[in-house]
PDB file of all heavy atoms in Angstrom:
ATOM      1  N   SER A   1     -32.182  29.209 -17.360  1.00  0.00           N
ATOM      2  CA  SER A   1     -32.643  28.077 -18.165  1.00  0.00           C
ATOM      3  C   SER A   1     -32.089  28.082 -19.570  1.00  0.00           C
ATOM      4  O   SER A   1     -31.915  27.015 -20.168  1.00  0.00           O
ATOM      5  CB  SER A   1     -34.170  28.060 -18.212  1.00  0.00           C
ATOM      6  OG  SER A   1     -34.681  29.249 -18.777  1.00  0.00           O
ATOM      7  N   SER A   2     -31.793  29.267 -20.156  1.00  0.00           N
ATOM      8  CA  SER A   2     -31.304  29.321 -21.534  1.00  0.00           C
ATOM      9  C   SER A   2     -30.710  30.682 -21.816  1.00  0.00           C
ATOM     10  O   SER A   2     -31.026  31.681 -21.139  1.00  0.00           O
ATOM     11  CB  SER A   2     -32.432  29.046 -22.529  1.00  0.00           C
ATOM     12  OG  SER A   2     -33.388  30.093 -22.500  1.00  0.00           O
ATOM     13  N   LEU A   3     -29.844  30.737 -22.828  1.00  0.00           N
ATOM     14  CA  LEU A   3     -29.310  32.048 -23.281  1.00  0.00           C
ATOM     15  C   LEU A   3     -30.431  32.887 -23.839  1.00  0.00           C
ATOM     16  O   LEU A   3     -30.399  34.134 -23.723  1.00  0.00           O
ATOM     17  CB  LEU A   3     -28.228  31.822 -24.322  1.00  0.00           C
ATOM     18  CG  LEU A   3     -27.574  33.095 -24.897  1.00  0.00           C
ATOM     19  CD1 LEU A   3     -26.922  33.926 -23.785  1.00  0.00           C
ATOM     20  CD2 LEU A   3     -26.529  32.750 -25.954  1.00  0.00           C
ATOM     21  N   THR A   4     -31.450  32.272 -24.414  1.00  0.00           N
ATOM     22  CA  THR A   4     -32.624  33.021 -24.905  1.00  0.00           C
ATOM     23  C   THR A   4     -33.215  33.846 -23.804  1.00  0.00           C
ATOM     24  O   THR A   4     -33.467  35.057 -23.965  1.00  0.00           O
ATOM     25  CB  THR A   4     -33.675  32.068 -25.468  1.00  0.00           C
ATOM     26  OG1 THR A   4     -33.148  31.366 -26.590  1.00  0.00           O
ATOM     27  CG2 THR A   4     -34.916  32.817 -25.901  1.00  0.00           C
ATOM     28  N   ASP A   5     -33.477  33.263 -22.636  1.00  0.00           N
ATOM     29  CA  ASP A   5     -34.096  34.013 -21.535  1.00  0.00           C
ATOM     30  C   ASP A   5     -33.153  35.057 -20.953  1.00  0.00           C
ATOM     31  O   ASP A   5     -33.593  36.139 -20.554  1.00  0.00           O
ATOM     32  CB  ASP A   5     -34.525  33.036 -20.421  1.00  0.00           C
ATOM     33  CG  ASP A   5     -35.896  32.446 -20.666  1.00  0.00           C
ATOM     34  OD1 ASP A   5     -36.552  32.870 -21.639  1.00  0.00           O
ATOM     35  OD2 ASP A   5     -36.314  31.546 -19.921  1.00  0.00           O
ATOM     36  N   VAL A   6     -31.853  34.775 -20.922  1.00  0.00           N
ATOM     37  CA  VAL A   6     -30.885  35.779 -20.440  1.00  0.00           C
ATOM     38  C   VAL A   6     -31.001  37.039 -21.283  1.00  0.00           C
ATOM     39  O   VAL A   6     -31.072  38.154 -20.758  1.00  0.00           O
ATOM     40  CB  VAL A   6     -29.454  35.224 -20.509  1.00  0.00           C
ATOM     41  CG1 VAL A   6     -28.443  36.339 -20.238  1.00  0.00           C
ATOM     42  CG2 VAL A   6     -29.264  34.113 -19.470  1.00  0.00           C
ATOM     43  N   LEU A   7     -31.056  36.903 -22.609  1.00  0.00           N
ATOM     44  CA  LEU A   7     -31.126  38.058 -23.499  1.00  0.00           C
ATOM     45  C   LEU A   7     -32.523  38.648 -23.535  1.00  0.00           C
ATOM     46  O   LEU A   7     -32.695  39.865 -23.630  1.00  0.00           O
ATOM     47  CB  LEU A   7     -30.684  37.667 -24.903  1.00  0.00           C
ATOM     48  CG  LEU A   7     -29.211  37.234 -25.034  1.00  0.00           C
ATOM     49  CD1 LEU A   7     -28.946  36.625 -26.393  1.00  0.00           C
ATOM     50  CD2 LEU A   7     -28.290  38.406 -24.784  1.00  0.00           C
ATOM     51  N   ARG A   8     -33.532  37.815 -23.464  1.00  0.00           N
ATOM     52  CA  ARG A   8     -34.915  38.301 -23.553  1.00  0.00           C
ATOM     53  C   ARG A   8     -35.254  39.235 -22.393  1.00  0.00           C
ATOM     54  O   ARG A   8     -35.982  40.218 -22.597  1.00  0.00           O
ATOM     55  CB  ARG A   8     -35.862  37.098 -23.566  1.00  0.00           C
ATOM     56  CG  ARG A   8     -37.346  37.460 -23.494  1.00  0.00           C
ATOM     57  CD  ARG A   8     -38.188  36.218 -23.576  1.00  0.00           C
ATOM     58  NE  ARG A   8     -38.305  35.760 -24.959  1.00  0.00           N
ATOM     59  CZ  ARG A   8     -38.388  34.483 -25.334  1.00  0.00           C
ATOM     60  NH1 ARG A   8     -38.324  33.525 -24.421  1.00  0.00           N
ATOM     61  NH2 ARG A   8     -38.547  34.179 -26.595  1.00  0.00           N
ATOM     62  N   TYR A   9     -34.747  38.938 -21.213  1.00  0.00           N
ATOM     63  CA  TYR A   9     -35.091  39.731 -20.029  1.00  0.00           C
ATOM     64  C   TYR A   9     -34.061  40.812 -19.711  1.00  0.00           C
ATOM     65  O   TYR A   9     -34.247  41.584 -18.759  1.00  0.00           O
ATOM     66  CB  TYR A   9     -35.256  38.811 -18.816  1.00  0.00           C
ATOM     67  CG  TYR A   9     -36.573  38.085 -18.773  1.00  0.00           C
ATOM     68  CD1 TYR A   9     -36.684  36.800 -19.296  1.00  0.00           C
ATOM     69  CD2 TYR A   9     -37.725  38.680 -18.268  1.00  0.00           C
ATOM     70  CE1 TYR A   9     -37.889  36.120 -19.289  1.00  0.00           C
ATOM     71  CE2 TYR A   9     -38.932  38.026 -18.246  1.00  0.00           C
ATOM     72  CZ  TYR A   9     -39.015  36.743 -18.759  1.00  0.00           C
ATOM     73  OH  TYR A   9     -40.221  36.062 -18.747  1.00  0.00           O
ATOM     74  N   ASN A  10     -32.966  40.889 -20.491  1.00  0.00           N
ATOM     75  CA  ASN A  10     -31.896  41.831 -20.136  1.00  0.00           C
ATOM     76  C   ASN A  10     -31.340  42.616 -21.311  1.00  0.00           C
ATOM     77  O   ASN A  10     -30.289  43.217 -21.191  1.00  0.00           O
ATOM     78  CB  ASN A  10     -30.744  41.073 -19.454  1.00  0.00           C
ATOM     79  CG  ASN A  10     -31.167  40.406 -18.170  1.00  0.00           C
ATOM     80  OD1 ASN A  10     -31.313  41.058 -17.145  1.00  0.00           O
ATOM     81  ND2 ASN A  10     -31.380  39.101 -18.228  1.00  0.00           N
ATOM     82  N   SER A  11     -32.042  42.601 -22.442  1.00  0.00           N
ATOM     83  CA  SER A  11     -31.547  43.322 -23.634  1.00  0.00           C
ATOM     84  C   SER A  11     -32.733  43.695 -24.500  1.00  0.00           C
ATOM     85  O   SER A  11     -33.866  43.248 -24.264  1.00  0.00           O
ATOM     86  CB  SER A  11     -30.573  42.407 -24.427  1.00  0.00           C
ATOM     87  OG  SER A  11     -31.281  41.506 -25.222  1.00  0.00           O
ATOM     88  N   PRO A  12     -32.494  44.523 -25.548  1.00  0.00           N
ATOM     89  CA  PRO A  12     -33.620  44.884 -26.435  1.00  0.00           C
ATOM     90  C   PRO A  12     -33.958  43.836 -27.476  1.00  0.00           C
ATOM     91  O   PRO A  12     -34.873  44.020 -28.263  1.00  0.00           O
ATOM     92  CB  PRO A  12     -33.085  46.165 -27.111  1.00  0.00           C
ATOM     93  CG  PRO A  12     -31.614  46.017 -27.094  1.00  0.00           C
ATOM     94  CD  PRO A  12     -31.278  45.295 -25.828  1.00  0.00           C
ATOM     95  N   VAL A  13     -33.267  42.704 -27.488  1.00  0.00           N
ATOM     96  CA  VAL A  13     -33.497  41.655 -28.480  1.00  0.00           C
ATOM     97  C   VAL A  13     -34.767  40.893 -28.121  1.00  0.00           C
ATOM     98  O   VAL A  13     -34.983  40.520 -26.960  1.00  0.00           O
ATOM     99  CB  VAL A  13     -32.304  40.689 -28.569  1.00  0.00           C
ATOM    100  CG1 VAL A  13     -32.521  39.706 -29.704  1.00  0.00           C
ATOM    101  CG2 VAL A  13     -31.013  41.437 -28.729  1.00  0.00           C
ATOM    102  N   VAL A  14     -35.629  40.648 -29.118  1.00  0.00           N
ATOM    103  CA  VAL A  14     -36.780  39.762 -28.939  1.00  0.00           C
ATOM    104  C   VAL A  14     -36.540  38.485 -29.724  1.00  0.00           C
ATOM    105  O   VAL A  14     -35.685  38.418 -30.620  1.00  0.00           O
ATOM    106  CB  VAL A  14     -38.106  40.441 -29.372  1.00  0.00           C
ATOM    107  CG1 VAL A  14     -38.356  41.690 -28.553  1.00  0.00           C
ATOM    108  CG2 VAL A  14     -38.068  40.788 -30.855  1.00  0.00           C
ATOM    109  N   PHE A  15     -37.311  37.442 -29.383  1.00  0.00           N
ATOM    110  CA  PHE A  15     -37.037  36.127 -29.950  1.00  0.00           C
ATOM    111  C   PHE A  15     -38.312  35.474 -30.470  1.00  0.00           C
ATOM    112  O   PHE A  15     -39.392  35.626 -29.890  1.00  0.00           O
ATOM    113  CB  PHE A  15     -36.407  35.199 -28.908  1.00  0.00           C
ATOM    114  CG  PHE A  15     -35.004  35.566 -28.543  1.00  0.00           C
ATOM    115  CD1 PHE A  15     -34.733  36.522 -27.575  1.00  0.00           C
ATOM    116  CD2 PHE A  15     -33.931  34.979 -29.191  1.00  0.00           C
ATOM    117  CE1 PHE A  15     -33.447  36.887 -27.262  1.00  0.00           C
ATOM    118  CE2 PHE A  15     -32.646  35.337 -28.909  1.00  0.00           C
ATOM    119  CZ  PHE A  15     -32.396  36.278 -27.941  1.00  0.00           C
ATOM    120  N   ARG A  16     -38.122  34.757 -31.565  1.00  0.00           N
ATOM    121  CA  ARG A  16     -39.140  33.840 -32.037  1.00  0.00           C
ATOM    122  C   ARG A  16     -38.663  32.439 -31.655  1.00  0.00           C
ATOM    123  O   ARG A  16     -37.654  31.968 -32.174  1.00  0.00           O
ATOM    124  CB  ARG A  16     -39.291  33.945 -33.552  1.00  0.00           C
ATOM    125  CG  ARG A  16     -40.296  32.954 -34.104  1.00  0.00           C
ATOM    126  CD  ARG A  16     -40.307  32.966 -35.638  1.00  0.00           C
ATOM    127  NE  ARG A  16     -41.244  31.986 -36.148  1.00  0.00           N
ATOM    128  CZ  ARG A  16     -41.375  31.689 -37.439  1.00  0.00           C
ATOM    129  NH1 ARG A  16     -40.612  32.291 -38.342  1.00  0.00           N
ATOM    130  NH2 ARG A  16     -42.261  30.797 -37.844  1.00  0.00           N
ATOM    131  N   ASP A  17     -39.359  31.802 -30.715  1.00  0.00           N
ATOM    132  CA  ASP A  17     -38.859  30.511 -30.275  1.00  0.00           C
ATOM    133  C   ASP A  17     -39.990  29.560 -29.955  1.00  0.00           C
ATOM    134  O   ASP A  17     -41.153  29.969 -29.802  1.00  0.00           O
ATOM    135  CB  ASP A  17     -37.926  30.674 -29.069  1.00  0.00           C
ATOM    136  CG  ASP A  17     -38.639  30.891 -27.761  1.00  0.00           C
ATOM    137  OD1 ASP A  17     -38.959  32.061 -27.433  1.00  0.00           O
ATOM    138  OD2 ASP A  17     -38.932  29.913 -27.074  1.00  0.00           O
ATOM    139  N   TYR A  18     -39.647  28.287 -29.851  1.00  0.00           N
ATOM    140  CA  TYR A  18     -40.591  27.198 -29.645  1.00  0.00           C
ATOM    141  C   TYR A  18     -40.469  26.628 -28.239  1.00  0.00           C
ATOM    142  O   TYR A  18     -40.758  25.460 -28.024  1.00  0.00           O
ATOM    143  CB  TYR A  18     -40.363  26.094 -30.691  1.00  0.00           C
ATOM    144  CG  TYR A  18     -40.677  26.529 -32.104  1.00  0.00           C
ATOM    145  CD1 TYR A  18     -39.758  27.292 -32.834  1.00  0.00           C
ATOM    146  CD2 TYR A  18     -41.870  26.205 -32.709  1.00  0.00           C
ATOM    147  CE1 TYR A  18     -40.042  27.707 -34.128  1.00  0.00           C
ATOM    148  CE2 TYR A  18     -42.166  26.588 -34.006  1.00  0.00           C
ATOM    149  CZ  TYR A  18     -41.246  27.345 -34.708  1.00  0.00           C
ATOM    150  OH  TYR A  18     -41.524  27.767 -35.995  1.00  0.00           O
ATOM    151  N   GLY A  19     -40.028  27.411 -27.302  1.00  0.00           N
ATOM    152  CA  GLY A  19     -39.849  26.940 -25.927  1.00  0.00           C
ATOM    153  C   GLY A  19     -38.431  26.488 -25.692  1.00  0.00           C
ATOM    154  O   GLY A  19     -37.591  26.461 -26.589  1.00  0.00           O
ATOM    155  N   ASN A  20     -38.130  26.153 -24.419  1.00  0.00           N
ATOM    156  CA  ASN A  20     -36.758  25.815 -24.046  1.00  0.00           C
ATOM    157  C   ASN A  20     -36.166  24.662 -24.839  1.00  0.00           C
ATOM    158  O   ASN A  20     -34.952  24.626 -25.047  1.00  0.00           O
ATOM    159  CB  ASN A  20     -36.704  25.508 -22.548  1.00  0.00           C
ATOM    160  CG  ASN A  20     -36.883  26.728 -21.691  1.00  0.00           C
ATOM    161  OD1 ASN A  20     -36.684  27.846 -22.156  1.00  0.00           O
ATOM    162  ND2 ASN A  20     -37.272  26.540 -20.440  1.00  0.00           N
ATOM    163  N   GLY A  21     -36.980  23.745 -25.273  1.00  0.00           N
ATOM    164  CA  GLY A  21     -36.431  22.617 -26.018  1.00  0.00           C
ATOM    165  C   GLY A  21     -36.438  22.840 -27.520  1.00  0.00           C
ATOM    166  O   GLY A  21     -35.904  22.020 -28.253  1.00  0.00           O
ATOM    167  N   GLY A  22     -37.049  23.939 -27.992  1.00  0.00           N
ATOM    168  CA  GLY A  22     -37.163  24.158 -29.409  1.00  0.00           C
ATOM    169  C   GLY A  22     -36.149  25.117 -29.954  1.00  0.00           C
ATOM    170  O   GLY A  22     -35.236  25.568 -29.262  1.00  0.00           O
ATOM    171  N   VAL A  23     -36.281  25.455 -31.229  1.00  0.00           N
ATOM    172  CA  VAL A  23     -35.396  26.378 -31.885  1.00  0.00           C
ATOM    173  C   VAL A  23     -35.741  27.813 -31.457  1.00  0.00           C
ATOM    174  O   VAL A  23     -36.899  28.157 -31.332  1.00  0.00           O
ATOM    175  CB  VAL A  23     -35.484  26.234 -33.411  1.00  0.00           C
ATOM    176  CG1 VAL A  23     -34.637  27.287 -34.135  1.00  0.00           C
ATOM    177  CG2 VAL A  23     -35.073  24.841 -33.831  1.00  0.00           C
ATOM    178  N   SER A  24     -34.715  28.651 -31.258  1.00  0.00           N
ATOM    179  CA  SER A  24     -34.914  30.025 -30.830  1.00  0.00           C
ATOM    180  C   SER A  24     -34.021  30.939 -31.673  1.00  0.00           C
ATOM    181  O   SER A  24     -32.800  30.766 -31.685  1.00  0.00           O
ATOM    182  CB  SER A  24     -34.594  30.186 -29.359  1.00  0.00           C
ATOM    183  OG  SER A  24     -34.627  31.540 -28.953  1.00  0.00           O
ATOM    184  N   THR A  25     -34.637  31.917 -32.379  1.00  0.00           N
ATOM    185  CA  THR A  25     -33.861  32.826 -33.212  1.00  0.00           C
ATOM    186  C   THR A  25     -34.210  34.262 -32.863  1.00  0.00           C
ATOM    187  O   THR A  25     -35.296  34.560 -32.358  1.00  0.00           O
ATOM    188  CB  THR A  25     -34.149  32.589 -34.716  1.00  0.00           C
ATOM    189  OG1 THR A  25     -35.563  32.667 -34.945  1.00  0.00           O
ATOM    190  CG2 THR A  25     -33.653  31.213 -35.138  1.00  0.00           C
ATOM    191  N   ALA A  26     -33.249  35.171 -33.126  1.00  0.00           N
ATOM    192  CA  ALA A  26     -33.343  36.552 -32.646  1.00  0.00           C
ATOM    193  C   ALA A  26     -34.006  37.465 -33.662  1.00  0.00           C
ATOM    194  O   ALA A  26     -33.892  37.274 -34.885  1.00  0.00           O
ATOM    195  CB  ALA A  26     -31.944  37.066 -32.325  1.00  0.00           C
ATOM    196  N   VAL A  27     -34.694  38.490 -33.158  1.00  0.00           N
ATOM    197  CA  VAL A  27     -35.236  39.582 -33.937  1.00  0.00           C
ATOM    198  C   VAL A  27     -34.681  40.849 -33.334  1.00  0.00           C
ATOM    199  O   VAL A  27     -35.089  41.280 -32.263  1.00  0.00           O
ATOM    200  CB  VAL A  27     -36.789  39.600 -33.916  1.00  0.00           C
ATOM    201  CG1 VAL A  27     -37.316  40.791 -34.716  1.00  0.00           C
ATOM    202  CG2 VAL A  27     -37.361  38.292 -34.438  1.00  0.00           C
TER     203      VAL A  27
END
């Protein structure tokens, strides 16, 4: 569904995001 989910479930990066349609930034 998004690059956010690819990284969220497969890397140590966490995200502050507003859902698939919103802004998503890395922590």
